[in-house]
Each structure stands twice: as C-alpha cells, then as structure tokens.
Amino acid sequence: MKIFLAIVLASFLAIVATLVFFVYRLNRVVTSSKQTQYGPFTIRADASTGKTFNVNYGIVDQTTVRYSIWFKDKPIRFPDNLQTNTGLPFLWRVYALADASEPTLIAGSQSLYLISLKDGQPVLEPLVEKDNDFASLQFLDGDDGQPSEKVDVVMVGDTDGMEDLPLLSGGSLLLVSGQLVLDIHSGKKHFFNQSKEWIDGCSFPDAHGAIALAPDRKSIVYHGYCSSSNLATEDLPDSEHAIVVYDFEADRGYAVKYDDTATRMINTEQINREWFGTYFEWIKQPTGKDKLQLKAFDPSQNPAPPWLGKLNTQDGYYNLYPVEPSMQSVFLDFALSQLGWNSSNILSDETGEYTGRRILIGDATTKLDIVYRESDQRISFSKHLYLPYDPTNQVYPKLIKTIADAFNAELASGKHQEHFGKIISDTKRMRSP
C-alpha cells in the first residue's frame, strides 16, 4: 500500500511540475531590454521573469535572458532546431570573434551558427547542430599555443551585464562542441568524428574539453576512458584510462593507454597540461606529423616523479593514496614529531569494519584523526571527526596544512615511497574476491 501511495504521489508531483512549467512559459513578463552594437549587427537582450517550479523551494521567480541579432532594424531568423529538448527555443548566448577579418558572430543554444556578412548581407552558417547536451567553445591554441579553458554555452539568468558581448579571442583554431575545428582566419571548417565512435576501445567525452594540441597543429588530445567490462576477471587491466589523439584533418585517431600507478593518476578530474607533459612526449614522424607516446623513465638516471599527498583546502583533509598499511605508522610518527608530541598523545586506536583504523591524537586543546581504510588504500588526516564545526576557526586548517606541506616535502625528496601501493581500476576492484 505504501509503495502504491508513493507512486501516486510521485505521479501527482510530476503532473503539477509539468503544469507549473507551462504556466511559467505562458506567463512571462519582459522586465528589461538592452542592446549593444558590433559592426553592422545589433545584439538585443530581453530579460523576462516568470514563475517556475523548484523541487527545493516550490514556485519561484526565474529570470531568463533571450538574445536576438538585428541587421538594419530587422531580426536575423534562426532555424527551428536551435534546441530540441529544453523547451527554450531562442538564442542563449551571442559571442564575437574578435580576431576575424570582418565583424563575425557565433550564436545559438544547443546548436551554434556563424553570422557574418557577404556582399553586404548577413549570412547564417550552421556550425554544429545538436539534439542534446550543451554546446561548447574552446580555442585549441588560445593559451600560449595550447588549449584555453572550454566555455559551455548556457543561458543567462541575471540582468547584470546581460548586454555585454563576450569576445572570443587569443587563438585561430576554435573547437566547436567537440565536433568541428573552425579556422577563424581562413574560414575553413574541419568536421570530425561525427558518429562519436570510440577509438581503440576508448571513449573520449568532451566534458573537460581538449587537453593539448599537437606541435603540428593537426591533432587534438583528449582524456579517454577504456571499457574492460566485457573481459574475463583474470584478464582485467589495472587501469582503464588512455590519452586519445584525434587528427581532425584526417578524421581518425588512436589511443595511448597508460597505467594509473606509473603516471600517478589519482583523480582524472585534475588532469592538466603539467601532468600530460610529465608523462607523455611527441615524436616527429618521417611524414612530418607528430605521434604521441609515453615517456620512458630510467630509475637510475631519470626516475619517475615521487608520490605526494593531496591537501583539500575545502574540507580540510590531507589524503595519502594509494598507500600500504605501513604508511599509517610512518605518518603517525611524523605528525607526532611535528607537533612536539609523543606516544602519550595517542588518545585512542580503534579499528572498525567499515570505518577502518582510526588513530586519535591530541592534547587538552587539539585533537586530530589519522584514518586508514585498507579497502580504499587511503590515509586521511584531519580535525577530529566529532569536534563541533566552526568555519571561523582557522587553527585546524593552518595546522593540517603545515603538517601536510612538511610531509610532502619529505615525499618530494624521495622518502617513504616504498609505502605507496598500486592503483587498481574500479572494475577490477569490484570483481576482486
């Protein structure tokens, strides 16, 4: 009976949300309009406010900014497939290509279009027309010849500065939604991987954009995820990651698979060009093209970078991963020494099935946890879990940072590396007995 009532309630809420959405769409009121001029084009921004349903706050006011582009007092008409699944079929953003030879705009929502002049008249060219996901823009050579930050095309929900026209500048090769490279100087377009095929068994989602551009400026570097779920347990690799190199002119690519442990890949969300340059290198081929490969590290002459701990300043935790159980005693002795304490400052040492081994150290004013979870291969060092939360108290964050920096300095010198273990893929870990 409870399940039935829950289903009925969920269905009712879904109907209410749908009705509220349509009421919101039908009862919008334009609150302000602003415009700016770019060459012969006038970009107009209309802000409207209406009621919408928020799952956390109920019916609330929401402001949406709708853009339009005008030429000689007439609006430029865009195709109907600006978007197909959001119910918001208008221009979400307008950008100016600052380095183009003549005034040129890029505008759209899920689909993006190039707007320029030809024979004195505006011309609308489709760049990427999509049926889902957000569109994106990223210069492949906008940061000292390498990719600049990816820009996701999302709606503006604030009237402050809504008339400002964002300028796309600093590069010549513009990556559009991960499917097109536009040379803004020559106007040449290179469409690639339109079917979104995997390369060598690896996908390369565009969530974080391109990592690097090959020296020959023909290939884009992405981070890839390689599926091994169809392999037998005994054949599973330790790592499921790769660097995917895609030649956007030839429309083909290849994957360079790497080992997480060898490349110290703890968190793929933090991949950057420094990490890429540390573990990979370009080799010039007889054809003149560049090919990517893993760097070879000679332990005697050119050892791999040492393992380091990671301090998260937001939650105040210092983490060591992947480590063997022996690292907990090493770090315990180090922390006690840094604090001027000894074994009498070990207040408790307990092991729980799910919580791992927690060592509480402290004195009359300070209490700290050193926790090791063998299943996670992780040590976390932080303020004692059961102390009251006080965001204004900076004593613990400073103390933990001081000890974390000091231990990282020892690790950087090559000490304690024997206490680090091996990173195992999630697939292999889940299948392990």
Protein backbone atom coordinates (compact mmCIF):
# COMPACT_ATOMS: atom_id res chain seq x y z
CA MET A 1 0.00 0.00 0.00
CA LYS A 2 2.83 2.39 0.90
CA ILE A 3 4.53 1.71 -2.43
CA PHE A 4 1.28 2.39 -4.29
CA LEU A 5 0.77 5.69 -2.45
CA ALA A 6 4.36 6.70 -3.18
CA ILE A 7 3.84 6.04 -6.89
CA VAL A 8 0.59 8.04 -6.89
CA LEU A 9 2.28 10.93 -5.07
CA ALA A 10 5.24 10.91 -7.45
CA SER A 11 2.92 10.95 -10.46
CA PHE A 12 0.91 13.80 -8.97
CA LEU A 13 4.03 15.88 -8.35
CA ALA A 14 5.22 15.24 -11.89
CA ILE A 15 1.89 16.46 -13.28
CA VAL A 16 1.97 19.54 -11.06
CA ALA A 17 5.54 20.31 -12.13
CA THR A 18 4.58 20.00 -15.79
CA LEU A 19 1.54 22.28 -15.37
CA VAL A 20 3.61 24.85 -13.49
CA PHE A 21 6.24 24.76 -16.24
CA PHE A 22 3.67 25.55 -18.92
CA VAL A 23 2.11 28.28 -16.76
CA TYR A 24 5.59 29.70 -16.37
CA ARG A 25 6.17 29.59 -20.09
CA LEU A 26 2.83 31.30 -20.82
CA ASN A 27 3.07 33.99 -18.19
CA ARG A 28 6.44 35.52 -18.71
CA VAL A 29 6.81 39.29 -18.46
CA VAL A 30 9.61 41.21 -20.13
CA THR A 31 11.28 43.20 -17.39
CA SER A 32 14.12 44.89 -19.28
CA SER A 33 15.76 45.17 -22.69
CA LYS A 34 19.27 46.26 -23.57
CA GLN A 35 21.32 46.25 -26.71
CA THR A 36 24.87 46.60 -27.96
CA GLN A 37 26.39 47.24 -31.37
CA TYR A 38 29.07 45.10 -33.02
CA GLY A 39 29.96 46.27 -36.50
CA PRO A 40 26.75 46.28 -38.55
CA PHE A 41 25.00 43.95 -36.08
CA THR A 42 22.80 44.95 -33.16
CA ILE A 43 22.60 42.39 -30.37
CA ARG A 44 19.48 42.75 -28.28
CA ALA A 45 19.00 41.18 -24.86
CA ASP A 46 15.48 40.81 -23.45
CA ALA A 47 15.10 39.72 -19.85
CA SER A 48 11.85 38.16 -18.75
CA THR A 49 10.67 36.86 -15.43
CA GLY A 50 8.09 34.20 -14.73
CA LYS A 51 7.08 31.55 -12.25
CA THR A 52 8.74 28.17 -12.27
CA PHE A 53 8.75 25.12 -10.04
CA ASN A 54 11.84 24.38 -7.97
CA VAL A 55 11.94 20.99 -6.23
CA ASN A 56 13.58 22.58 -3.19
CA TYR A 57 11.70 25.88 -2.90
CA GLY A 58 8.41 25.33 -4.75
CA ILE A 59 7.15 28.03 -7.12
CA VAL A 60 9.75 30.76 -7.51
CA ASP A 61 10.55 33.64 -9.83
CA GLN A 62 13.11 32.92 -12.54
CA THR A 63 14.74 35.37 -14.93
CA THR A 64 15.77 34.30 -18.41
CA VAL A 65 17.64 36.40 -20.95
CA ARG A 66 16.67 35.92 -24.58
CA TYR A 67 19.01 37.23 -27.28
CA SER A 68 18.35 38.28 -30.84
CA ILE A 69 20.56 39.69 -33.60
CA TRP A 70 19.39 42.54 -35.83
CA PHE A 71 20.67 43.87 -39.12
CA LYS A 72 19.34 47.19 -40.44
CA ASP A 73 16.45 47.08 -37.95
CA LYS A 74 15.41 43.57 -39.00
CA PRO A 75 15.91 40.44 -36.87
CA ILE A 76 18.02 37.62 -38.29
CA ARG A 77 15.95 34.46 -38.33
CA PHE A 78 17.49 31.27 -36.95
CA PRO A 79 16.48 27.67 -37.75
CA ASP A 80 13.91 25.99 -35.55
CA ASN A 81 16.40 23.40 -34.30
CA LEU A 82 18.34 25.74 -32.02
CA GLN A 83 17.45 23.15 -29.43
CA THR A 84 15.13 20.16 -29.26
CA ASN A 85 14.76 19.05 -25.65
CA THR A 86 14.79 22.08 -23.33
CA GLY A 87 11.63 23.96 -24.33
CA LEU A 88 13.64 27.18 -24.65
CA PRO A 89 13.95 27.74 -28.42
CA PHE A 90 15.82 31.03 -28.59
CA LEU A 91 19.38 32.33 -28.60
CA TRP A 92 21.01 31.65 -25.26
CA ARG A 93 24.28 33.43 -25.99
CA VAL A 94 25.98 35.57 -28.62
CA TYR A 95 29.77 35.78 -28.98
CA ALA A 96 32.01 37.96 -31.13
CA LEU A 97 35.02 36.51 -32.96
CA ALA A 98 37.39 39.33 -32.09
CA ASP A 99 40.22 38.25 -34.43
CA ALA A 100 38.13 37.57 -37.53
CA SER A 101 38.91 39.68 -40.60
CA GLU A 102 35.40 41.23 -40.52
CA PRO A 103 32.65 41.52 -37.86
CA THR A 104 31.62 37.93 -37.17
CA LEU A 105 29.38 36.43 -34.51
CA ILE A 106 28.72 32.97 -33.12
CA ALA A 107 25.28 32.49 -31.60
CA GLY A 108 22.94 29.72 -30.57
CA SER A 109 21.92 27.42 -27.76
CA GLN A 110 22.42 23.68 -28.21
CA SER A 111 23.15 24.40 -31.87
CA LEU A 112 25.63 27.08 -32.90
CA TYR A 113 25.71 29.27 -36.00
CA LEU A 114 28.22 31.62 -37.59
CA ILE A 115 26.89 35.04 -38.60
CA SER A 116 28.91 37.20 -41.00
CA LEU A 117 28.45 39.49 -44.00
CA LYS A 118 28.64 38.52 -47.66
CA ASP A 119 28.05 41.09 -50.37
CA GLY A 120 26.69 43.42 -47.73
CA GLN A 121 24.09 40.96 -46.44
CA PRO A 122 24.10 38.78 -43.30
CA VAL A 123 24.85 35.09 -43.88
CA LEU A 124 23.93 32.38 -41.38
CA GLU A 125 26.08 29.21 -41.48
CA PRO A 126 25.46 26.19 -39.23
CA LEU A 127 28.49 25.11 -37.24
CA VAL A 128 27.20 22.26 -35.08
CA GLU A 129 23.53 21.30 -34.88
CA LYS A 130 22.84 19.05 -31.90
CA ASP A 131 19.88 17.28 -30.38
CA ASN A 132 21.12 17.15 -26.78
CA ASP A 133 23.91 18.25 -24.46
CA PHE A 134 25.28 21.75 -24.17
CA ALA A 135 27.28 23.38 -26.91
CA SER A 136 30.83 24.48 -26.15
CA LEU A 137 33.64 26.64 -27.50
CA GLN A 138 37.37 26.26 -26.89
CA PHE A 139 40.41 27.72 -28.61
CA LEU A 140 42.91 24.94 -29.27
CA ASP A 141 45.74 27.46 -29.42
CA GLY A 142 44.47 30.22 -27.14
CA ASP A 143 46.85 29.71 -24.20
CA ASP A 144 50.43 30.04 -25.39
CA GLY A 145 49.65 27.85 -28.39
CA GLN A 146 47.72 25.30 -26.32
CA PRO A 147 44.02 24.91 -25.43
CA SER A 148 42.44 27.62 -23.36
CA GLU A 149 39.54 26.98 -20.99
CA LYS A 150 36.42 25.46 -22.51
CA VAL A 151 33.32 27.65 -22.47
CA ASP A 152 29.93 25.95 -22.16
CA VAL A 153 27.04 27.74 -23.85
CA VAL A 154 24.39 28.18 -21.16
CA MET A 155 21.53 30.59 -20.62
CA VAL A 156 21.95 33.88 -18.82
CA GLY A 157 19.72 34.17 -15.75
CA ASP A 158 20.78 37.57 -14.48
CA THR A 159 20.19 41.06 -15.82
CA ASP A 160 23.54 42.38 -14.57
CA GLY A 161 25.73 42.89 -17.60
CA MET A 162 23.35 40.98 -19.84
CA GLU A 163 24.15 43.36 -22.71
CA ASP A 164 27.88 42.60 -22.53
CA LEU A 165 29.13 40.83 -25.64
CA PRO A 166 31.70 38.12 -24.80
CA LEU A 167 34.74 38.23 -27.07
CA LEU A 168 36.34 35.03 -28.36
CA SER A 169 39.99 35.90 -28.83
CA GLY A 170 43.55 34.71 -28.44
CA GLY A 171 43.60 31.85 -30.92
CA SER A 172 42.87 30.84 -34.50
CA LEU A 173 41.66 27.22 -34.17
CA LEU A 174 38.26 27.15 -32.47
CA LEU A 175 36.92 23.80 -31.29
CA VAL A 176 33.11 23.84 -31.50
CA SER A 177 31.21 21.31 -29.38
CA GLY A 178 33.96 18.74 -29.82
CA GLN A 179 32.87 18.07 -33.41
CA LEU A 180 34.31 20.87 -35.51
CA VAL A 181 37.52 22.87 -35.73
CA LEU A 182 36.98 26.30 -37.26
CA ASP A 183 39.98 28.24 -38.54
CA ILE A 184 38.72 31.74 -37.88
CA HIS A 185 41.34 33.32 -40.15
CA SER A 186 40.79 31.21 -43.25
CA GLY A 187 37.19 30.23 -42.50
CA LYS A 188 37.98 26.57 -43.18
CA LYS A 189 35.94 24.01 -41.25
CA HIS A 190 37.11 20.54 -40.23
CA PHE A 191 34.27 18.29 -39.10
CA PHE A 192 35.45 15.14 -37.32
CA ASN A 193 34.17 12.06 -35.50
CA GLN A 194 30.58 12.94 -36.30
CA SER A 195 29.40 9.46 -35.29
CA LYS A 196 31.19 9.74 -31.92
CA GLU A 197 32.93 6.39 -32.37
CA TRP A 198 35.23 5.02 -29.70
CA ILE A 199 38.93 4.87 -30.52
CA ASP A 200 40.74 1.60 -29.77
CA GLY A 201 38.01 0.70 -27.29
CA CYS A 202 38.18 4.08 -25.54
CA SER A 203 35.62 6.87 -25.37
CA PHE A 204 36.67 10.48 -25.01
CA PRO A 205 33.80 12.58 -23.67
CA ASP A 206 34.09 16.33 -24.13
CA ALA A 207 33.20 17.29 -20.56
CA HIS A 208 36.54 18.94 -19.90
CA GLY A 209 37.49 19.73 -23.46
CA ALA A 210 40.86 19.31 -25.13
CA ILE A 211 44.00 18.84 -23.04
CA ALA A 212 46.61 19.69 -25.66
CA LEU A 213 47.26 20.43 -29.32
CA ALA A 214 49.97 18.54 -31.20
CA PRO A 215 53.00 20.61 -32.28
CA ASP A 216 51.98 20.11 -35.93
CA ARG A 217 48.59 21.65 -35.06
CA LYS A 218 46.69 18.77 -36.66
CA SER A 219 45.74 16.58 -33.69
CA ILE A 220 43.71 17.21 -30.54
CA VAL A 221 44.49 15.47 -27.25
CA TYR A 222 41.64 14.24 -25.06
CA HIS A 223 41.44 12.11 -21.96
CA GLY A 224 39.75 8.77 -22.62
CA TYR A 225 38.03 6.01 -20.69
CA CYS A 226 38.54 2.43 -21.88
CA SER A 227 35.91 -0.20 -21.17
CA SER A 228 37.04 -3.60 -19.93
CA SER A 229 33.74 -4.82 -18.51
CA ASN A 230 33.44 -7.47 -21.23
CA LEU A 231 36.75 -9.10 -20.26
CA ALA A 232 37.13 -12.11 -18.01
CA THR A 233 38.18 -11.27 -14.45
CA GLU A 234 41.66 -12.73 -14.92
CA ASP A 235 42.18 -10.54 -17.99
CA LEU A 236 41.18 -7.23 -16.43
CA PRO A 237 43.83 -4.50 -16.64
CA ASP A 238 44.80 -2.48 -13.58
CA SER A 239 43.95 0.75 -15.40
CA GLU A 240 41.17 1.82 -17.74
CA HIS A 241 42.42 5.18 -18.93
CA ALA A 242 44.06 6.49 -22.07
CA ILE A 243 45.07 9.62 -23.89
CA VAL A 244 43.15 9.81 -27.17
CA VAL A 245 44.84 11.68 -30.02
CA TYR A 246 42.50 12.73 -32.82
CA ASP A 247 43.66 14.10 -36.18
CA PHE A 248 40.82 16.47 -37.05
CA GLU A 249 42.03 16.94 -40.63
CA ALA A 250 42.32 13.22 -41.44
CA ASP A 251 39.30 12.37 -39.22
CA ARG A 252 40.98 9.47 -37.43
CA GLY A 253 42.62 8.87 -34.10
CA TYR A 254 44.45 6.49 -31.80
CA ALA A 255 44.67 5.81 -28.08
CA VAL A 256 47.77 5.76 -25.87
CA LYS A 257 46.77 3.68 -22.87
CA TYR A 258 48.61 4.37 -19.63
CA ASP A 259 48.96 2.85 -16.19
CA ASP A 260 47.44 4.93 -13.39
CA THR A 261 50.14 3.95 -10.91
CA ALA A 262 53.05 4.72 -13.23
CA THR A 263 51.60 8.14 -14.09
CA ARG A 264 50.42 8.97 -10.56
CA MET A 265 46.89 9.39 -11.87
CA ILE A 266 44.89 9.71 -8.65
CA ASN A 267 42.00 11.83 -9.93
CA THR A 268 41.20 12.25 -13.63
CA GLU A 269 39.24 15.41 -12.82
CA GLN A 270 42.56 17.13 -12.13
CA ILE A 271 44.28 16.29 -15.42
CA ASN A 272 46.19 19.26 -16.78
CA ARG A 273 48.98 20.05 -19.21
CA GLU A 274 51.63 19.77 -16.50
CA TRP A 275 50.68 16.15 -15.85
CA PHE A 276 50.42 15.49 -19.60
CA GLY A 277 53.85 16.97 -20.26
CA THR A 278 55.39 14.95 -17.43
CA TYR A 279 54.35 11.54 -18.69
CA PHE A 280 53.89 11.92 -22.47
CA GLU A 281 56.00 13.19 -25.35
CA TRP A 282 55.61 13.95 -29.06
CA ILE A 283 57.83 12.17 -31.60
CA LYS A 284 58.19 13.65 -35.08
CA GLN A 285 57.44 11.08 -37.78
CA PRO A 286 59.09 10.88 -41.25
CA THR A 287 55.80 12.16 -42.67
CA GLY A 288 56.20 15.33 -40.66
CA LYS A 289 53.31 14.50 -38.32
CA ASP A 290 53.69 14.23 -34.57
CA LYS A 291 52.96 10.97 -32.76
CA LEU A 292 52.31 10.75 -29.02
CA GLN A 293 53.91 8.17 -26.77
CA LEU A 294 54.55 7.53 -23.10
CA LYS A 295 57.81 8.81 -21.70
CA ALA A 296 60.26 6.19 -20.55
CA PHE A 297 61.65 6.74 -17.05
CA ASP A 298 65.06 5.31 -16.16
CA PRO A 299 65.13 4.78 -12.36
CA SER A 300 68.90 5.30 -12.27
CA GLN A 301 69.05 8.48 -14.37
CA ASN A 302 65.55 9.84 -14.78
CA PRO A 303 63.26 8.43 -12.07
CA ALA A 304 59.50 8.89 -12.19
CA PRO A 305 58.10 11.75 -10.09
CA PRO A 306 57.54 10.77 -6.45
CA TRP A 307 54.18 10.17 -4.89
CA LEU A 308 52.79 13.14 -2.98
CA GLY A 309 49.84 13.62 -0.67
CA LYS A 310 46.92 15.86 -1.60
CA LEU A 311 45.54 18.61 0.62
CA ASN A 312 41.90 19.52 0.08
CA THR A 313 41.58 23.05 1.44
CA GLN A 314 37.78 22.99 1.15
CA ASP A 315 37.12 20.11 3.54
CA GLY A 316 40.39 20.31 5.47
CA TYR A 317 41.58 16.77 4.71
CA TYR A 318 45.10 15.70 3.75
CA ASN A 319 44.99 12.40 1.84
CA LEU A 320 47.68 9.88 1.01
CA TYR A 321 46.76 7.44 -1.77
CA PRO A 322 47.39 4.66 -2.70
CA VAL A 323 49.25 3.54 0.41
CA GLU A 324 50.08 0.31 2.20
CA PRO A 325 49.05 -0.19 5.86
CA SER A 326 52.65 0.52 6.91
CA MET A 327 52.28 4.17 5.89
CA GLN A 328 49.94 4.88 8.80
CA SER A 329 52.67 4.27 11.38
CA VAL A 330 55.13 6.32 9.34
CA PHE A 331 52.77 9.26 9.13
CA LEU A 332 51.74 8.91 12.79
CA ASP A 333 55.37 9.24 13.91
CA PHE A 334 55.88 12.20 11.59
CA ALA A 335 52.77 14.04 12.81
CA LEU A 336 53.65 13.49 16.47
CA SER A 337 57.15 14.80 15.84
CA GLN A 338 55.87 17.90 14.02
CA LEU A 339 53.54 18.66 16.93
CA GLY A 340 56.19 18.07 19.57
CA TRP A 341 54.17 15.16 20.95
CA ASN A 342 54.96 11.54 21.78
CA SER A 343 53.12 8.25 22.21
CA SER A 344 51.29 9.60 25.26
CA ASN A 345 49.37 11.85 22.87
CA ILE A 346 47.76 8.82 21.19
CA LEU A 347 44.33 9.10 22.78
CA SER A 348 42.73 6.10 21.06
CA ASP A 349 43.45 3.50 18.38
CA GLU A 350 40.35 1.71 17.10
CA THR A 351 39.52 -0.37 14.04
CA GLY A 352 36.01 -0.72 12.61
CA GLU A 353 34.82 -2.98 9.84
CA TYR A 354 33.60 -0.08 7.71
CA THR A 355 35.41 2.90 9.20
CA GLY A 356 38.93 1.48 9.06
CA ARG A 357 41.65 2.10 11.63
CA ARG A 358 41.25 5.47 13.33
CA ILE A 359 44.08 6.82 15.48
CA LEU A 360 43.10 9.86 17.57
CA ILE A 361 45.98 12.07 18.67
CA GLY A 362 45.75 15.21 20.76
CA ASP A 363 46.17 17.17 23.94
CA ALA A 364 43.94 19.42 26.04
CA THR A 365 43.25 21.84 23.16
CA THR A 366 43.88 19.94 19.92
CA LYS A 367 42.53 16.66 18.54
CA LEU A 368 43.35 15.12 15.16
CA ASP A 369 42.38 11.94 13.30
CA ILE A 370 44.66 9.70 11.24
CA VAL A 371 42.39 7.20 9.47
CA TYR A 372 43.43 4.33 7.21
CA ARG A 373 40.89 2.42 5.14
CA GLU A 374 42.52 -0.62 3.62
CA SER A 375 39.77 -1.10 1.03
CA ASP A 376 40.40 2.46 -0.20
CA GLN A 377 44.20 2.31 0.21
CA ARG A 378 43.86 5.78 1.69
CA ILE A 379 45.05 7.66 4.76
CA SER A 380 43.13 10.80 5.70
CA PHE A 381 44.45 13.32 8.19
CA SER A 382 42.02 15.88 9.60
CA LYS A 383 40.47 17.57 12.59
CA HIS A 384 38.83 15.02 14.90
CA LEU A 385 35.54 13.92 13.37
CA TYR A 386 33.39 14.65 16.43
CA LEU A 387 34.61 18.17 17.16
CA PRO A 388 31.98 20.89 16.58
CA TYR A 389 32.03 22.60 13.19
CA ASP A 390 33.25 26.18 13.34
CA PRO A 391 34.08 27.78 9.96
CA THR A 392 35.57 30.84 11.66
CA ASN A 393 38.22 28.78 13.45
CA GLN A 394 41.28 28.64 11.19
CA VAL A 395 43.58 26.93 13.70
CA TYR A 396 42.96 23.43 12.37
CA PRO A 397 43.19 24.27 8.64
CA LYS A 398 46.52 26.03 9.20
CA LEU A 399 47.85 23.22 11.40
CA ILE A 400 46.89 20.48 8.94
CA LYS A 401 48.36 22.44 6.03
CA THR A 402 51.64 22.93 7.88
CA ILE A 403 52.00 19.20 8.55
CA ALA A 404 50.81 18.27 5.05
CA ASP A 405 53.35 20.60 3.42
CA ALA A 406 56.14 19.25 5.61
CA PHE A 407 55.30 15.62 4.81
CA ASN A 408 55.01 16.40 1.10
CA ALA A 409 58.48 17.92 1.27
CA GLU A 410 59.81 14.63 2.61
CA LEU A 411 57.95 12.69 -0.06
CA ALA A 412 59.31 15.00 -2.76
CA SER A 413 62.83 14.20 -1.60
CA GLY A 414 62.18 10.50 -2.26
CA LYS A 415 61.44 9.39 1.30
CA HIS A 416 58.68 6.88 2.23
CA GLN A 417 57.95 5.95 -1.41
CA GLU A 418 58.15 2.24 -0.52
CA HIS A 419 54.93 2.60 1.47
CA PHE A 420 52.85 3.50 -1.58
CA GLY A 421 50.89 0.79 -3.36
CA LYS A 422 49.22 0.29 -6.71
CA ILE A 423 46.09 1.90 -8.14
CA ILE A 424 43.52 -0.67 -9.26
CA SER A 425 40.66 0.13 -11.63
CA ASP A 426 37.11 0.24 -10.26
CA THR A 427 36.10 -2.68 -12.47
CA LYS A 428 38.91 -4.89 -11.18
CA ARG A 429 38.35 -3.78 -7.60
CA MET A 430 34.62 -4.62 -7.73
CA ARG A 431 35.33 -8.08 -9.13
CA SER A 432 38.08 -8.92 -6.68
CA PRO A 433 37.13 -11.58 -4.12
